[in-house]
Each structure stands twice: as structure tokens, then as C-alpha cells.
Amino acid sequence: MLLAGCRATGTTRGTGPAVTSPSADGLSPAGTPVAPAASVDPAVGVSTQPVYPVEPPAQGSFEGFATYSYIPAHPTGIIYLFHGSGGSADFAVKIESTDVLNDLIGRGFGYVATESTERSGERRWNVDDPSMTSNPDLARMDRLRRHVLDTTAVDAGTPTYGLGMSNGSAFAALWAAAESSAGVPISGVALYMAGPTKAVDRLGGLRVPTFMVVGVNDTVTDPAKEKADLAAIAHAGIPTELHEVIQRAVIPARYLRVPGVTEATAAAVVAAYRQAGLIDSAGTLVVTLPQSLRGDGADRLTDCINHNTFTGGNTSYVFAGDMNGDSANNNDLIYIPRDQSEMSFASFTSGGKTFTPEAQAQAFDTYINNDPYLSEHRGEYAKRNAVFLPRITRMDLSLVQEVFGSVRGSRQGGQVRLDIPNFGNVLNSDWGVSRSLRQNQILTNAAVDAAGKLTYRMALQNGDLFTTPYRTNAAIADVYVMMLSFRYTFN
């Protein structure tokens, strides 16, 4: 995701024509709504209003890899999104990504996000092989681009862009260079926290308009190299734009961007950081190194606290079995009754216990009241894939301490890194925990009685009727994990 804890300190445009942001009127096709600009809190640097997608993405897959996409009827342009290391297609629904995409959608753009071929290790894009045939990521992305042309409103004349974060940024540069070399026009790329790799040089360099964001104190990538790469692009007469960012203070107002986070919760999070000794009263990171670990004055400590909010997926409420007799099971959408008078349950016995129509109707009525989607759509047929699971908010913490010294005139370096995914769960065991739907086939055994009326039963769980739709999960992603790593470098 875009680093939520960073702020811009400078903007530089290259010697080529400036990459500008045309007005909404100039970009939006007729009939396309323009997303209203969120008011920015000067003290925070961003809007503190909850960030929701203006257009919920369509979730699917291409060649077995997950996709998130939104493509309007008349797209101004199409943007391909590339996640960072350890990420996936849901990069598109992270808070900061959503904020950016809302603005672009308001200007008429569509987007497609998928994931790297490597799914079991570091989940990184291949940024070392410039071949469109031997690099599986480049090959699949080219097939995906062709598939989008064949199946959507995007055509060969639609401007095509790439946007990537970290490892995805390096891949966005390689993808743009490879497609351009193959004769596919790429209108521009946005590179966040990483620049082109040597593989791009083997293709003749990146020769498309480039927007770049670098972290001033980024110790994972090389900001100096990234800026030099961008300068080389600008020197070739290509439009460029550079933004340098530094860490922002950790204050409660920033967490109000996360849907569902109240002022009280935001204040509690920051207070917990402060109580743990991670930040001072101004929200600045606090760390004191032992004298024995202090090097030659070039030691650096960096931190990043990211917060993500995303839905756990979506589904549909359908009958179990074949309700309408079309020989297709488990796909017939249910009707959501206005009240118990519109319910038609049949009595049945299970495990020696009889469930009367009245008991089932009472349980189903309670279930509907407890389900946000069903309770809002009484008197309607359920819509397919319209049930979105509860949003999950997670915070990740990374601390990196670099220590430098000199041994016999040779510069030596060490790095200690602590990563705590789902750090919020350390502070409160209820934070960062997902919930899933107990059962989307809540009605079963559809049949027609002697009077020709549809009847059905309510599904059971553990021998009893459902009354609550969601359960709390306990997977590895729902708890915090601590990973400590060490690295030694020398010249």
C-alpha cells in the first residue's frame, strides 16, 4: 500500500514536458460522475474522513490469479496496479490505494489489479528478466492486457498506465519498458518507493512519462539511485515528476481515514504506542541505542506503521440445492421476507428435535435483523455477490535499525529489523480479527406443498437454528506475528 506514515517534502519536474493532472472536466467522459475532492486537514496533511471506494471493485480471477477491477463504459484510460513484496491483488482496496483510485475513477479511469506469479515465498514480481516470454509475470500481464481489450470497453486507443509500490514499482517500470519495446504504447507509470532495475536497461531504458515518489530515509531501497534513474529519463526528454516524502507524526487524526475507527479508538491506538515507548508526545518515534551499538554517526532508525482496511470478500444468499428445478445447485437467490407472514417454513425433525415453522420463522427473523444486508433489503430478492463481509482493519509495524562502523578502515554495517504484521492485535486482542459468514445457504430443502406453495427449511448449525450470521475467525492472519531478522554488510 502507499505508505500512510509519509509526507511530501519536495516536488521536482524533469526537463521534459511536465506530467500534469488534467481537470476533471477534461478527463471525464459524458455521464461519468466526478468524485468530490476530500477536504485536507492542514495539520494532518490528508483528509481525515473515512475512505470508502466510490465504485466497489469486481473480484474475479485470470488464469487462476485473483483480480480486482473497475472499468467504466467509456474509460478515459486503464491503469494496471502492481502490489509490493508480500502483497496480492487486494492492493487495490487498501486505504491509500482506494483514496487514489477514487480520484482517478471520478476522472473516468478504470483499473485492473492482479498478483505476482510467486505466491508461496516472498510473493514478489520478477523484475530481473526482461523477456516477455520467459518472465512469467510479463507474459501473463501481456495476456491479461489482451484479455481486457477483448472483453471490456477498453480498446487499442485507450491510454494505458501502470502504478506500482516497492517491488511492484520496479515491475511497473519493467512492464512499461517491455510493452513499449513490443510496440504497445504505454502512456505513463507511477513508481512508488522503487525505480527501474538493470533489466530495464537491457531494453534500452524506461522511455515513458514517469511519476516517482521516494522516501527520504528509505533504507530498503536506494533513494539516490531512484532519483538518478529518474534524472536519466528526464535527460532523454521524457516527462518526469519527482516527490520526496518523509515520515509524518503518528497522531490520532490519521486513523480517522479508516472506516469504522472512531476518535476514541484512534486516540487509544496512539496512546498505546506512547505507553509502549514507541513514540513521544508529538508522535515522533522514540528509540535510545546503547552506547555500545552506536557507530560512526551514520546510524539510522526507520519505522513505518501502515493501516489497511479491506473487506473479507463478498458472496450471495442462495438456496441450498436446486430451488427452481433448472438442475443447477446452490445458485438460486433467496427472497428476503418483509416479516414472518411472508415466510413459508416446513416442520422437520433432526437429531430427535422437532423444529416447527413458527420456531424457524422466529429464528430467521432474528437472523435477518442481525445481518446488515438482509435487514436493509427486506421485501426484495437478494442480489448476486452483493453481501460484503465485515471490513477488517489491520495495522502493521516495521522497525529497522542500521548500525555502521569501521573495522581496519573498511566500512561495516549491520541491520536489525522487527516486523509485526497485525500489530494492532498486540494492543487489543479484538483488533485486526476477521469475521466470516457462517452459512450463505441459510434456506434448504425447497419443495412445493399440495397447494402449490413453495416451502423450505432453515439450515442448522451444531443441531440448532441460526440466529447470527457471522463468526469470529482464528487463522494466523487474525493474530499478530513477530519476525526478527538480521543483515550484515561489508565493503
Protein backbone atom coordinates (compact mmCIF):
# COMPACT_ATOMS: atom_id res chain seq x y z
CA MET A 1 0.00 0.00 0.00
CA LEU A 2 1.04 3.63 -0.18
CA LEU A 3 2.95 4.43 2.98
CA ALA A 4 0.42 6.05 5.26
CA GLY A 5 3.10 7.47 7.54
CA CYS A 6 4.88 9.63 4.96
CA ARG A 7 4.59 13.23 3.85
CA ALA A 8 5.92 15.10 0.86
CA THR A 9 8.88 17.46 1.29
CA GLY A 10 9.52 18.44 -2.30
CA THR A 11 8.35 18.12 -5.87
CA THR A 12 10.62 18.26 -8.90
CA ARG A 13 9.70 18.03 -12.56
CA GLY A 14 12.21 16.84 -15.13
CA THR A 15 13.45 18.62 -18.21
CA GLY A 16 10.81 17.01 -20.42
CA PRO A 17 7.24 18.35 -20.60
CA ALA A 18 5.67 18.28 -17.15
CA VAL A 19 3.31 15.43 -16.29
CA THR A 20 0.17 17.32 -15.38
CA SER A 21 -3.18 16.29 -13.98
CA PRO A 22 -5.89 17.48 -16.40
CA SER A 23 -9.05 18.85 -14.91
CA ALA A 24 -11.93 16.55 -14.14
CA ASP A 25 -13.97 18.17 -16.90
CA GLY A 26 -11.23 17.45 -19.43
CA LEU A 27 -10.90 13.81 -18.45
CA SER A 28 -14.35 12.58 -17.55
CA PRO A 29 -16.49 11.17 -20.35
CA ALA A 30 -20.07 12.36 -20.61
CA GLY A 31 -22.21 10.99 -17.84
CA THR A 32 -19.28 9.93 -15.63
CA PRO A 33 -19.61 11.30 -12.08
CA VAL A 34 -16.58 13.09 -10.71
CA ALA A 35 -15.60 12.12 -7.16
CA PRO A 36 -15.73 15.18 -4.90
CA ALA A 37 -12.34 16.25 -3.60
CA ALA A 38 -11.93 15.37 0.07
CA SER A 39 -11.04 18.32 2.29
CA VAL A 40 -7.46 18.14 3.55
CA ASP A 41 -6.74 18.85 7.19
CA PRO A 42 -3.68 21.17 7.09
CA ALA A 43 -2.47 19.87 10.43
CA VAL A 44 -2.51 16.27 9.19
CA GLY A 45 -1.70 16.68 5.51
CA VAL A 46 -4.54 14.45 4.28
CA SER A 47 -8.27 14.23 4.66
CA THR A 48 -9.37 12.72 7.97
CA GLN A 49 -12.69 11.47 6.59
CA PRO A 50 -13.26 7.69 6.26
CA VAL A 51 -12.14 6.41 2.86
CA TYR A 52 -14.65 4.22 1.02
CA PRO A 53 -14.48 3.11 -2.64
CA VAL A 54 -16.74 5.23 -4.85
CA GLU A 55 -17.14 2.13 -7.05
CA PRO A 56 -16.78 -1.28 -5.35
CA PRO A 57 -14.41 -3.39 -7.46
CA ALA A 58 -15.38 -6.55 -9.28
CA GLN A 59 -13.50 -9.52 -7.85
CA GLY A 60 -12.53 -12.36 -10.16
CA SER A 61 -9.55 -14.25 -11.48
CA PHE A 62 -7.45 -14.57 -14.62
CA GLU A 63 -5.56 -17.79 -15.29
CA GLY A 64 -6.04 -18.76 -11.64
CA PHE A 65 -4.74 -15.49 -10.17
CA ALA A 66 -7.03 -13.12 -8.27
CA THR A 67 -8.11 -9.85 -9.84
CA TYR A 68 -9.81 -6.66 -8.67
CA SER A 69 -11.11 -4.32 -11.34
CA TYR A 70 -13.41 -1.49 -12.25
CA ILE A 71 -13.85 -0.46 -15.89
CA PRO A 72 -16.44 2.18 -16.84
CA ALA A 73 -18.44 2.09 -20.05
CA HIS A 74 -16.26 4.76 -21.66
CA PRO A 75 -12.87 4.69 -19.92
CA THR A 76 -10.61 7.72 -20.15
CA GLY A 77 -7.70 5.36 -19.50
CA ILE A 78 -6.86 1.99 -17.98
CA ILE A 79 -4.42 1.61 -15.06
CA TYR A 80 -2.70 -1.66 -14.12
CA LEU A 81 -1.79 -1.89 -10.42
CA PHE A 82 1.20 -3.85 -9.08
CA HIS A 83 1.49 -4.74 -5.38
CA GLY A 84 4.68 -4.75 -3.31
CA SER A 85 6.55 -7.68 -1.77
CA GLY A 86 4.25 -9.99 0.15
CA GLY A 87 1.18 -8.43 -1.40
CA SER A 88 -1.67 -9.57 -3.58
CA ALA A 89 -4.42 -8.23 -5.81
CA ASP A 90 -6.15 -6.66 -2.80
CA PHE A 91 -3.53 -3.89 -3.03
CA ALA A 92 -6.34 -2.19 -4.95
CA VAL A 93 -8.59 -2.00 -1.88
CA LYS A 94 -6.07 -0.73 0.68
CA ILE A 95 -6.95 2.61 2.25
CA GLU A 96 -4.40 4.74 0.40
CA SER A 97 -4.90 2.88 -2.88
CA THR A 98 -8.65 3.41 -2.58
CA ASP A 99 -8.12 7.11 -1.95
CA VAL A 100 -6.05 7.46 -5.14
CA LEU A 101 -8.38 5.30 -7.21
CA ASN A 102 -11.45 7.26 -6.09
CA ASP A 103 -9.97 10.37 -7.65
CA LEU A 104 -9.00 8.54 -10.83
CA ILE A 105 -12.41 6.87 -11.16
CA GLY A 106 -14.01 10.28 -10.78
CA ARG A 107 -11.93 11.35 -13.78
CA GLY A 108 -13.17 8.45 -15.87
CA PHE A 109 -10.33 5.96 -15.42
CA GLY A 110 -10.66 2.22 -14.95
CA TYR A 111 -8.18 -0.13 -13.31
CA VAL A 112 -7.15 -3.78 -13.07
CA ALA A 113 -5.10 -5.32 -10.25
CA THR A 114 -3.78 -8.86 -10.13
CA GLU A 115 -0.93 -10.61 -8.31
CA SER A 116 2.57 -11.93 -8.92
CA THR A 117 3.14 -15.50 -10.08
CA GLU A 118 5.15 -16.28 -6.95
CA ARG A 119 2.53 -17.00 -4.29
CA SER A 120 4.36 -19.23 -1.79
CA GLY A 121 7.56 -17.32 -0.96
CA GLU A 122 8.09 -13.58 -0.82
CA ARG A 123 5.25 -13.03 -3.31
CA ARG A 124 7.33 -10.76 -5.49
CA TRP A 125 7.15 -9.83 -9.14
CA ASN A 126 10.03 -10.99 -11.35
CA VAL A 127 11.99 -7.79 -12.03
CA ASP A 128 15.19 -9.39 -13.35
CA ASP A 129 14.09 -10.98 -16.64
CA PRO A 130 13.11 -8.53 -19.41
CA SER A 131 11.76 -11.24 -21.73
CA MET A 132 8.03 -11.23 -22.49
CA THR A 133 8.20 -15.00 -22.97
CA SER A 134 10.49 -16.36 -20.23
CA ASN A 135 9.37 -13.95 -17.49
CA PRO A 136 6.07 -15.49 -16.32
CA ASP A 137 4.83 -12.21 -14.84
CA LEU A 138 5.46 -10.19 -18.01
CA ALA A 139 3.93 -12.92 -20.18
CA ARG A 140 0.78 -13.20 -18.07
CA MET A 141 0.36 -9.44 -17.80
CA ASP A 142 0.52 -9.16 -21.59
CA ARG A 143 -2.15 -11.86 -21.90
CA LEU A 144 -4.25 -10.06 -19.29
CA ARG A 145 -3.90 -6.80 -21.22
CA ARG A 146 -5.11 -8.55 -24.39
CA HIS A 147 -7.96 -10.15 -22.44
CA VAL A 148 -9.07 -6.74 -21.19
CA LEU A 149 -9.05 -5.45 -24.77
CA ASP A 150 -11.15 -8.40 -25.92
CA THR A 151 -13.74 -8.40 -23.13
CA THR A 152 -14.23 -4.82 -21.89
CA ALA A 153 -14.83 -1.30 -23.12
CA VAL A 154 -11.06 -0.74 -23.23
CA ASP A 155 -9.75 -0.64 -26.81
CA ALA A 156 -6.38 -0.23 -28.50
CA GLY A 157 -6.74 3.55 -28.38
CA THR A 158 -7.39 3.73 -24.63
CA PRO A 159 -4.37 5.26 -22.82
CA THR A 160 -2.65 2.60 -20.70
CA TYR A 161 -0.80 3.29 -17.43
CA GLY A 162 0.98 1.36 -14.69
CA LEU A 163 1.18 2.07 -10.95
CA GLY A 164 3.29 0.08 -8.51
CA MET A 165 4.51 0.06 -4.92
CA SER A 166 8.02 -1.08 -3.91
CA ASN A 167 8.73 -4.35 -5.76
CA GLY A 168 5.57 -3.65 -7.77
CA SER A 169 7.04 -0.27 -8.68
CA ALA A 170 10.17 -1.89 -10.11
CA PHE A 171 7.94 -4.30 -12.02
CA ALA A 172 5.75 -1.48 -13.32
CA ALA A 173 8.88 0.07 -14.83
CA LEU A 174 9.91 -3.26 -16.39
CA TRP A 175 6.39 -3.92 -17.66
CA ALA A 176 6.19 -0.48 -19.28
CA ALA A 177 9.61 -0.88 -20.89
CA ALA A 178 8.82 -4.39 -22.15
CA GLU A 179 5.41 -3.49 -23.57
CA SER A 180 6.84 -0.36 -25.18
CA SER A 181 9.63 -2.40 -26.78
CA ALA A 182 6.96 -4.74 -28.15
CA GLY A 183 5.16 -1.81 -29.80
CA VAL A 184 2.42 -1.35 -27.19
CA PRO A 185 2.01 2.34 -26.30
CA ILE A 186 2.24 2.97 -22.55
CA SER A 187 1.12 6.46 -21.60
CA GLY A 188 2.90 6.65 -18.24
CA VAL A 189 3.89 4.95 -14.98
CA ALA A 190 3.70 5.94 -11.31
CA LEU A 191 6.57 4.45 -9.30
CA TYR A 192 6.35 4.43 -5.50
CA MET A 193 9.41 3.62 -3.36
CA ALA A 194 11.46 1.86 -6.08
CA GLY A 195 12.83 2.55 -9.53
CA PRO A 196 13.84 0.63 -12.65
CA THR A 197 16.12 -2.42 -12.34
CA LYS A 198 19.03 -3.40 -14.59
CA ALA A 199 16.60 -5.48 -16.64
CA VAL A 200 15.05 -2.22 -17.86
CA ASP A 201 18.47 -1.07 -19.10
CA ARG A 202 18.65 -4.20 -21.25
CA LEU A 203 15.50 -2.96 -23.01
CA GLY A 204 17.01 0.45 -23.70
CA GLY A 205 15.76 2.14 -20.56
CA LEU A 206 12.38 3.43 -19.44
CA ARG A 207 11.06 5.80 -22.08
CA VAL A 208 7.56 6.66 -20.90
CA PRO A 209 6.35 9.59 -18.76
CA THR A 210 7.27 8.76 -15.16
CA PHE A 211 5.87 9.96 -11.83
CA MET A 212 8.11 8.89 -8.93
CA VAL A 213 7.78 9.01 -5.14
CA VAL A 214 10.83 8.22 -2.97
CA GLY A 215 11.24 8.01 0.79
CA VAL A 216 13.94 10.37 2.06
CA ASN A 217 15.03 7.92 4.79
CA ASP A 218 14.16 4.70 2.95
CA THR A 219 16.76 2.06 3.88
CA VAL A 220 15.12 -0.80 1.98
CA THR A 221 15.55 0.78 -1.44
CA ASP A 222 18.10 3.33 -2.67
CA PRO A 223 16.57 6.82 -2.98
CA ALA A 224 19.75 8.26 -4.54
CA LYS A 225 19.70 5.65 -7.31
CA GLU A 226 15.97 6.14 -7.87
CA LYS A 227 16.44 9.89 -8.31
CA ALA A 228 19.39 9.30 -10.63
CA ASP A 229 17.27 6.90 -12.72
CA LEU A 230 14.52 9.49 -12.97
CA ALA A 231 17.04 12.17 -13.95
CA ALA A 232 18.25 9.92 -16.78
CA ILE A 233 14.67 9.56 -18.03
CA ALA A 234 14.20 13.33 -17.90
CA HIS A 235 17.55 13.86 -19.67
CA ALA A 236 16.17 11.84 -22.59
CA GLY A 237 13.38 14.40 -22.90
CA ILE A 238 10.71 12.23 -21.28
CA PRO A 239 8.22 13.96 -18.90
CA THR A 240 9.01 13.21 -15.25
CA GLU A 241 7.84 14.28 -11.82
CA LEU A 242 9.57 13.56 -8.50
CA HIS A 243 8.10 13.69 -4.99
CA GLU A 244 10.28 13.14 -1.91
CA VAL A 245 8.48 12.16 1.30
CA ILE A 246 9.42 11.85 4.96
CA GLN A 247 7.66 10.26 7.89
CA ARG A 248 4.67 12.03 9.40
CA ALA A 249 3.96 12.20 13.08
CA VAL A 250 1.75 9.42 14.45
CA ILE A 251 -1.38 11.24 15.64
CA PRO A 252 -4.99 10.07 16.15
CA ALA A 253 -6.40 12.16 13.29
CA ARG A 254 -4.66 10.00 10.68
CA TYR A 255 -6.52 6.88 11.78
CA LEU A 256 -9.89 8.51 11.15
CA ARG A 257 -9.35 7.70 7.46
CA VAL A 258 -10.01 4.06 8.34
CA PRO A 259 -13.74 3.28 8.10
CA GLY A 260 -15.15 2.26 11.46
CA VAL A 261 -12.36 3.82 13.52
CA THR A 262 -13.79 6.31 16.00
CA GLU A 263 -11.96 9.22 17.59
CA ALA A 264 -11.83 7.24 20.82
CA THR A 265 -10.28 4.21 19.11
CA ALA A 266 -7.76 6.36 17.24
CA ALA A 267 -6.73 8.05 20.47
CA ALA A 268 -6.41 4.66 22.18
CA VAL A 269 -4.12 3.35 19.44
CA VAL A 270 -1.77 6.33 19.66
CA ALA A 271 -1.86 6.23 23.45
CA ALA A 272 -0.87 2.57 23.35
CA TYR A 273 2.10 3.39 21.10
CA ARG A 274 3.12 6.15 23.50
CA GLN A 275 2.71 3.94 26.57
CA ALA A 276 4.83 1.25 24.92
CA GLY A 277 7.59 3.82 24.47
CA LEU A 278 7.45 3.78 20.67
CA ILE A 279 6.55 7.46 20.19
CA ASP A 280 6.81 10.66 22.18
CA SER A 281 4.07 13.18 22.93
CA ALA A 282 4.48 14.74 19.47
CA GLY A 283 4.09 11.37 17.71
CA THR A 284 7.79 11.06 16.85
CA LEU A 285 9.50 7.68 17.11
CA VAL A 286 11.49 7.26 20.34
CA VAL A 287 14.47 4.92 20.44
CA THR A 288 17.65 5.19 22.52
CA LEU A 289 20.53 2.95 21.46
CA PRO A 290 23.03 1.59 23.96
CA GLN A 291 26.41 3.31 23.64
CA SER A 292 27.99 0.01 22.57
CA LEU A 293 25.76 -0.09 19.49
CA ARG A 294 26.39 3.46 18.36
CA GLY A 295 28.56 3.60 15.27
CA ASP A 296 30.21 6.39 13.35
CA GLY A 297 27.32 8.84 13.44
CA ALA A 298 25.61 7.43 10.36
CA ASP A 299 23.32 5.02 12.22
CA ARG A 300 19.73 5.21 11.04
CA LEU A 301 16.46 4.10 12.51
CA THR A 302 13.38 3.96 10.32
CA ASP A 303 9.87 2.91 11.11
CA CYS A 304 6.61 2.59 9.30
CA ILE A 305 3.14 2.00 10.68
CA ASN A 306 0.68 1.05 7.98
CA HIS A 307 -3.05 0.67 8.44
CA ASN A 308 -5.18 -1.25 5.95
CA THR A 309 -8.93 -1.67 5.80
CA PHE A 310 -10.44 -4.19 3.44
CA THR A 311 -13.47 -6.40 3.10
CA GLY A 312 -13.18 -10.10 3.74
CA GLY A 313 -14.83 -10.81 0.39
CA ASN A 314 -18.37 -11.00 -0.89
CA THR A 315 -20.98 -13.66 -1.51
CA SER A 316 -24.67 -14.24 -2.23
CA TYR A 317 -27.54 -15.63 -0.17
CA VAL A 318 -28.82 -18.65 -2.12
CA PHE A 319 -30.94 -21.74 -1.53
CA ALA A 320 -29.14 -24.97 -0.75
CA GLY A 321 -29.94 -27.39 -3.56
CA ASP A 322 -32.00 -26.71 -6.67
CA MET A 323 -34.93 -24.49 -5.76
CA ASN A 324 -36.24 -23.72 -9.29
CA GLY A 325 -35.62 -27.11 -10.92
CA ASP A 326 -33.06 -25.98 -13.51
CA SER A 327 -30.61 -28.74 -12.47
CA ALA A 328 -28.12 -26.16 -11.15
CA ASN A 329 -27.49 -26.49 -7.44
CA ASN A 330 -26.79 -23.80 -4.84
CA ASN A 331 -27.22 -20.76 -7.11
CA ASP A 332 -30.88 -19.70 -6.73
CA LEU A 333 -31.09 -16.36 -4.91
CA ILE A 334 -33.43 -16.18 -1.91
CA TYR A 335 -36.31 -13.79 -1.36
CA ILE A 336 -35.88 -11.66 1.80
CA PRO A 337 -39.29 -11.57 3.52
CA ARG A 338 -40.66 -8.33 4.92
CA ASP A 339 -41.80 -10.10 8.07
CA GLN A 340 -42.72 -13.55 9.36
CA SER A 341 -46.04 -13.51 7.48
CA GLU A 342 -44.13 -13.90 4.20
CA MET A 343 -42.13 -16.90 5.42
CA SER A 344 -43.10 -20.45 4.45
CA PHE A 345 -41.23 -22.94 6.59
CA ALA A 346 -41.97 -26.67 6.75
CA SER A 347 -41.71 -28.55 10.03
CA PHE A 348 -38.89 -31.10 10.31
CA THR A 349 -37.09 -33.22 12.89
CA SER A 350 -33.33 -33.56 13.25
CA GLY A 351 -31.37 -35.29 16.00
CA GLY A 352 -34.59 -36.08 17.82
CA LYS A 353 -35.57 -32.41 17.93
CA THR A 354 -38.53 -31.00 16.01
CA PHE A 355 -38.30 -27.53 14.52
CA THR A 356 -41.74 -26.02 13.97
CA PRO A 357 -42.47 -23.43 11.26
CA GLU A 358 -43.02 -20.84 13.99
CA ALA A 359 -39.62 -21.53 15.61
CA GLN A 360 -37.86 -21.35 12.24
CA ALA A 361 -39.64 -18.12 11.32
CA GLN A 362 -38.62 -16.53 14.62
CA ALA A 363 -35.00 -17.62 14.15
CA PHE A 364 -34.92 -16.41 10.51
CA ASP A 365 -36.43 -13.07 11.50
CA THR A 366 -33.74 -12.65 14.16
CA TYR A 367 -31.07 -13.69 11.66
CA ILE A 368 -32.27 -11.06 9.16
CA ASN A 369 -32.21 -8.36 11.84
CA ASN A 370 -28.62 -9.32 12.70
CA ASP A 371 -27.44 -9.21 9.07
CA PRO A 372 -26.76 -5.69 7.68
CA TYR A 373 -27.50 -6.66 4.08
CA LEU A 374 -30.67 -8.69 4.69
CA SER A 375 -32.14 -6.18 7.14
CA GLU A 376 -31.74 -3.36 4.59
CA HIS A 377 -33.35 -5.29 1.71
CA ARG A 378 -36.49 -6.81 3.18
CA GLY A 379 -39.16 -7.36 0.54
CA GLU A 380 -36.56 -7.87 -2.21
CA TYR A 381 -34.74 -10.73 -3.85
CA ALA A 382 -31.13 -10.95 -2.75
CA LYS A 383 -28.68 -9.68 -5.35
CA ARG A 384 -25.80 -11.78 -6.50
CA ASN A 385 -22.42 -11.07 -4.86
CA ALA A 386 -23.92 -8.10 -3.01
CA VAL A 387 -23.20 -9.39 0.51
CA PHE A 388 -19.86 -7.90 1.55
CA LEU A 389 -18.25 -9.45 4.61
CA PRO A 390 -17.32 -7.18 7.54
CA ARG A 391 -14.40 -4.86 6.94
CA ILE A 392 -11.11 -5.74 8.60
CA THR A 393 -8.74 -3.06 9.85
CA ARG A 394 -5.16 -4.10 10.47
CA MET A 395 -2.04 -2.15 11.41
CA ASP A 396 1.46 -3.39 10.62
CA LEU A 397 4.61 -2.11 12.33
CA SER A 398 8.15 -2.27 10.94
CA LEU A 399 11.25 -1.06 12.79
CA VAL A 400 14.65 -1.10 11.07
CA GLN A 401 17.84 -0.17 12.91
CA GLU A 402 21.03 0.20 10.89
CA VAL A 403 24.37 0.47 12.65
CA PHE A 404 27.56 1.39 10.83
CA GLY A 405 31.19 1.26 11.90
CA SER A 406 34.71 0.98 10.61
CA VAL A 407 36.94 -2.07 11.01
CA ARG A 408 40.55 -1.68 9.82
CA GLY A 409 39.50 1.13 7.55
CA SER A 410 36.67 -0.89 5.98
CA ARG A 411 33.07 0.25 6.42
CA GLN A 412 30.92 -2.39 8.10
CA GLY A 413 27.16 -2.34 8.51
CA GLY A 414 24.53 -4.23 10.40
CA GLN A 415 20.76 -4.13 10.23
CA VAL A 416 18.23 -5.39 12.75
CA ARG A 417 14.63 -5.45 11.57
CA LEU A 418 11.48 -6.18 13.54
CA ASP A 419 8.24 -6.71 11.59
CA ILE A 420 4.95 -7.16 13.42
CA PRO A 421 2.08 -7.81 10.99
CA ASN A 422 -1.29 -7.07 12.59
CA PHE A 423 0.40 -5.01 15.31
CA GLY A 424 -2.96 -3.70 16.48
CA ASN A 425 -3.68 -7.18 17.81
CA VAL A 426 -0.79 -6.73 20.25
CA LEU A 427 -2.56 -3.72 21.72
CA ASN A 428 -6.06 -5.19 21.76
CA SER A 429 -6.96 -8.83 21.11
CA ASP A 430 -10.16 -7.74 19.32
CA TRP A 431 -8.31 -5.60 16.74
CA GLY A 432 -7.31 -7.00 13.35
CA VAL A 433 -9.54 -10.07 13.67
CA SER A 434 -11.67 -11.03 10.68
CA ARG A 435 -15.20 -12.41 10.65
CA SER A 436 -16.76 -14.73 8.11
CA LEU A 437 -20.29 -15.73 7.18
CA ARG A 438 -21.39 -18.89 8.95
CA GLN A 439 -23.56 -20.03 6.04
CA ASN A 440 -24.74 -18.35 2.84
CA GLN A 441 -27.19 -21.19 2.11
CA ILE A 442 -29.44 -20.34 5.02
CA LEU A 443 -32.57 -21.90 3.46
CA THR A 444 -32.64 -25.53 2.37
CA ASN A 445 -34.91 -28.38 1.24
CA ALA A 446 -37.03 -26.24 -1.06
CA ALA A 447 -40.24 -28.01 -2.07
CA VAL A 448 -43.80 -27.36 -3.24
CA ASP A 449 -46.68 -28.33 -0.95
CA ALA A 450 -50.08 -29.71 -2.02
CA ALA A 451 -51.39 -26.18 -2.57
CA GLY A 452 -48.52 -25.36 -4.94
CA LYS A 453 -46.81 -23.10 -2.42
CA LEU A 454 -43.03 -23.04 -2.01
CA THR A 455 -41.81 -24.30 1.36
CA TYR A 456 -38.34 -24.64 2.80
CA ARG A 457 -36.41 -25.33 5.96
CA MET A 458 -33.86 -23.29 7.82
CA ALA A 459 -30.33 -24.64 7.91
CA LEU A 460 -28.90 -25.94 11.19
CA GLN A 461 -25.55 -25.42 12.85
CA ASN A 462 -24.47 -27.79 15.60
CA GLY A 463 -28.02 -29.11 15.75
CA ASP A 464 -29.71 -25.76 16.23
CA LEU A 465 -31.16 -22.92 14.17
CA PHE A 466 -29.03 -19.98 13.01
CA THR A 467 -29.69 -16.59 14.56
CA THR A 468 -26.38 -14.78 13.98
CA PRO A 469 -24.76 -14.55 10.54
CA TYR A 470 -21.08 -14.10 11.39
CA ARG A 471 -18.41 -15.93 13.34
CA THR A 472 -15.02 -14.68 14.52
CA ASN A 473 -12.07 -16.28 12.75
CA ALA A 474 -8.89 -17.56 14.37
CA ALA A 475 -6.49 -18.01 11.44
CA ILE A 476 -2.83 -16.99 11.50
CA ALA A 477 -3.69 -13.67 9.82
CA ASP A 478 -6.07 -12.83 12.69
CA VAL A 479 -3.31 -12.70 15.31
CA TYR A 480 -0.06 -10.78 15.49
CA VAL A 481 3.23 -12.31 14.38
CA MET A 482 6.73 -11.07 15.22
CA MET A 483 9.58 -11.56 12.76
CA LEU A 484 13.13 -10.55 13.74
CA SER A 485 15.81 -10.50 11.05
CA PHE A 486 19.48 -9.55 10.88
CA ARG A 487 21.67 -8.47 7.99
CA TYR A 488 25.41 -7.83 7.82
CA THR A 489 27.05 -5.83 5.03
CA PHE A 490 30.68 -5.00 4.39
CA ASN A 491 32.91 -3.44 1.75
